C-alpha atoms as a PDB file:
ATOM      1  CA  MET A   1       0.000   0.000   0.000  1.00  0.00           C
ATOM      2  CA  GLN A   2       1.289   3.413  -0.855  1.00  0.00           C
ATOM      3  CA  PHE A   3       0.082   6.180   1.439  1.00  0.00           C
ATOM      4  CA  ASN A   4       1.128   9.791   0.984  1.00  0.00           C
ATOM      5  CA  GLY A   5       0.441  13.275   2.254  1.00  0.00           C
ATOM      6  CA  ALA A   6       2.162  16.402   3.480  1.00  0.00           C
ATOM      7  CA  ASP A   7       2.727  14.993   6.986  1.00  0.00           C
ATOM      8  CA  TYR A   8       3.255  11.347   5.979  1.00  0.00           C
ATOM      9  CA  GLU A   9       6.498   9.660   7.052  1.00  0.00           C
ATOM     10  CA  ASP A  10       6.908   6.085   5.882  1.00  0.00           C
ATOM     11  CA  ALA A  11       8.926   4.888   8.889  1.00  0.00           C
ATOM     12  CA  ARG A  12       6.418   6.352  11.328  1.00  0.00           C
ATOM     13  CA  ASP A  13       3.111   5.838   9.526  1.00  0.00           C
ATOM     14  CA  ALA A  14       3.228   2.925   7.044  1.00  0.00           C
ATOM     15  CA  LEU A  15       2.556   0.067   9.460  1.00  0.00           C
ATOM     16  CA  ARG A  16      -0.132   1.952  11.403  1.00  0.00           C
ATOM     17  CA  LEU A  17      -2.023   3.081   8.296  1.00  0.00           C
ATOM     18  CA  SER A  18      -1.706  -0.277   6.530  1.00  0.00           C
ATOM     19  CA  SER A  19      -3.047  -2.024   9.621  1.00  0.00           C
ATOM     20  CA  GLN A  20      -5.962   0.418   9.877  1.00  0.00           C
ATOM     21  CA  TYR A  21      -6.796  -0.040   6.214  1.00  0.00           C
ATOM     22  CA  LEU A  22      -6.801  -3.823   6.527  1.00  0.00           C
ATOM     23  CA  ARG A  23      -8.957  -3.818   9.676  1.00  0.00           C
ATOM     24  CA  VAL A  24     -11.561  -1.575   8.047  1.00  0.00           C
ATOM     25  CA  PHE A  25     -11.425  -3.442   4.728  1.00  0.00           C
ATOM     26  CA  MET A  26     -11.750  -6.900   6.288  1.00  0.00           C
ATOM     27  CA  LEU A  27     -14.764  -5.743   8.307  1.00  0.00           C
ATOM     28  CA  MET A  28     -16.501  -3.923   5.468  1.00  0.00           C
ATOM     29  CA  ARG A  29     -15.973  -6.521   2.763  1.00  0.00           C
ATOM     30  CA  ASP A  30     -19.043  -8.402   4.073  1.00  0.00           C
ATOM     31  CA  GLY A  31     -21.175  -5.712   2.396  1.00  0.00           C
ATOM     32  CA  MET A  32     -23.041  -4.772   5.575  1.00  0.00           C
ATOM     33  CA  PRO A  33     -23.837  -1.053   5.922  1.00  0.00           C
ATOM     34  CA  ARG A  34     -22.292   0.651   8.951  1.00  0.00           C
ATOM     35  CA  THR A  35     -21.808   4.146  10.328  1.00  0.00           C
ATOM     36  CA  LEU A  36     -18.339   5.496  11.085  1.00  0.00           C
ATOM     37  CA  ASP A  37     -18.986   5.052  14.794  1.00  0.00           C
ATOM     38  CA  GLU A  38     -20.036   1.427  14.294  1.00  0.00           C
ATOM     39  CA  ILE A  39     -16.902   0.695  12.272  1.00  0.00           C
ATOM     40  CA  ALA A  40     -14.729   2.511  14.812  1.00  0.00           C
ATOM     41  CA  SER A  41     -16.294   0.590  17.683  1.00  0.00           C
ATOM     42  CA  ILE A  42     -15.563  -2.753  16.039  1.00  0.00           C
ATOM     43  CA  THR A  43     -12.049  -1.989  14.734  1.00  0.00           C
ATOM     44  CA  GLY A  44     -10.859   0.198  17.613  1.00  0.00           C
ATOM     45  CA  ASP A  45      -9.754   2.900  15.174  1.00  0.00           C
ATOM     46  CA  PRO A  46     -10.838   6.551  15.500  1.00  0.00           C
ATOM     47  CA  PRO A  47     -13.832   7.578  13.327  1.00  0.00           C
ATOM     48  CA  ALA A  48     -11.697  10.130  11.439  1.00  0.00           C
ATOM     49  CA  SER A  49      -9.205   7.379  10.562  1.00  0.00           C
ATOM     50  CA  VAL A  50     -12.025   5.076   9.474  1.00  0.00           C
ATOM     51  CA  SER A  51     -13.345   7.826   7.212  1.00  0.00           C
ATOM     52  CA  ALA A  52      -9.891   8.312   5.677  1.00  0.00           C
ATOM     53  CA  GLN A  53      -9.511   4.586   5.042  1.00  0.00           C
ATOM     54  CA  LEU A  54     -12.929   4.402   3.367  1.00  0.00           C
ATOM     55  CA  ARG A  55     -11.820   7.247   1.055  1.00  0.00           C
ATOM     56  CA  HIS A  56      -8.619   5.350   0.276  1.00  0.00           C
ATOM     57  CA  MET A  57     -10.623   2.286  -0.755  1.00  0.00           C
ATOM     58  CA  ARG A  58     -12.098   4.259  -3.663  1.00  0.00           C
ATOM     59  CA  LYS A  59      -8.645   5.078  -5.101  1.00  0.00           C
ATOM     60  CA  PRO A  60      -7.196   2.877  -7.872  1.00  0.00           C
ATOM     61  CA  ARG A  61      -3.995   2.184  -5.937  1.00  0.00           C
ATOM     62  CA  PHE A  62      -6.099   0.783  -3.070  1.00  0.00           C
ATOM     63  CA  GLY A  63      -8.338  -1.368  -5.252  1.00  0.00           C
ATOM     64  CA  ALA A  64     -10.874   1.069  -6.750  1.00  0.00           C
ATOM     65  CA  HIS A  65     -13.647  -0.343  -4.592  1.00  0.00           C
ATOM     66  CA  LEU A  66     -17.117   1.174  -4.528  1.00  0.00           C
ATOM     67  CA  VAL A  67     -17.978   2.757  -1.180  1.00  0.00           C
ATOM     68  CA  GLU A  68     -21.618   3.749  -1.080  1.00  0.00           C
ATOM     69  CA  ARG A  69     -22.792   6.395   1.357  1.00  0.00           C
ATOM     70  CA  ASP A  70     -26.375   6.746   2.556  1.00  0.00           C
ATOM     71  CA  HIS A  71     -27.460   9.888   4.402  1.00  0.00           C
ATOM     72  CA  LEU A  72     -29.386   8.990   7.541  1.00  0.00           C
ATOM     73  CA  GLY A  73     -30.011  12.587   8.625  1.00  0.00           C
ATOM     74  CA  HIS A  74     -28.399  15.155  10.894  1.00  0.00           C
ATOM     75  CA  GLY A  75     -24.958  14.651   9.318  1.00  0.00           C
ATOM     76  CA  LEU A  76     -24.963  10.890   9.897  1.00  0.00           C
ATOM     77  CA  TYR A  77     -24.030   8.527   7.063  1.00  0.00           C
ATOM     78  CA  ARG A  78     -23.967   4.780   6.674  1.00  0.00           C
ATOM     79  CA  TYR A  79     -21.267   3.247   4.441  1.00  0.00           C
ATOM     80  CA  THR A  80     -21.324   0.044   2.404  1.00  0.00           C
ATOM     81  CA  LEU A  81     -18.292  -1.429   0.654  1.00  0.00           C
ATOM     82  CA  ILE A  82     -18.785  -3.198  -2.645  1.00  0.00           C
ATOM     83  CA  GLU A  83     -15.492  -4.950  -3.229  1.00  0.00           C
ATOM     84  CA  ASN A  84     -13.872  -4.650  -6.645  1.00  0.00           C
ATOM     85  CA  THR A  85     -13.152  -8.269  -7.488  1.00  0.00           C
ATOM     86  CA  CYS A  86     -11.428  -7.383 -10.788  1.00  0.00           C
ATOM     87  CA  PRO A  87      -8.718  -4.875  -9.747  1.00  0.00           C
ATOM     88  CA  ASP A  88      -6.652  -5.763 -12.835  1.00  0.00           C
ATOM     89  CA  LEU A  89      -9.266  -3.985 -14.956  1.00  0.00           C
ATOM     90  CA  ILE A  90      -8.684  -0.567 -13.393  1.00  0.00           C
END
């Protein structure tokens, strides 16, 4: 996995971010819709980190998965991952 960003340092951040990504991905690949707080509660990762990892999942270098977002009201969303099973086609 190739993370980047203005404050990103590979030695400090690569293992932590890769682990977060995998925890969120392995949970969400069952296709069940969940809120950020639900995902965070299960994975133990902060909601802001969960949100960032869901955004990463949409990027080609992270698999170009479909992450659907349903508005539940009052700023609350529920997310569903639809796994890209043909990443070679991106």
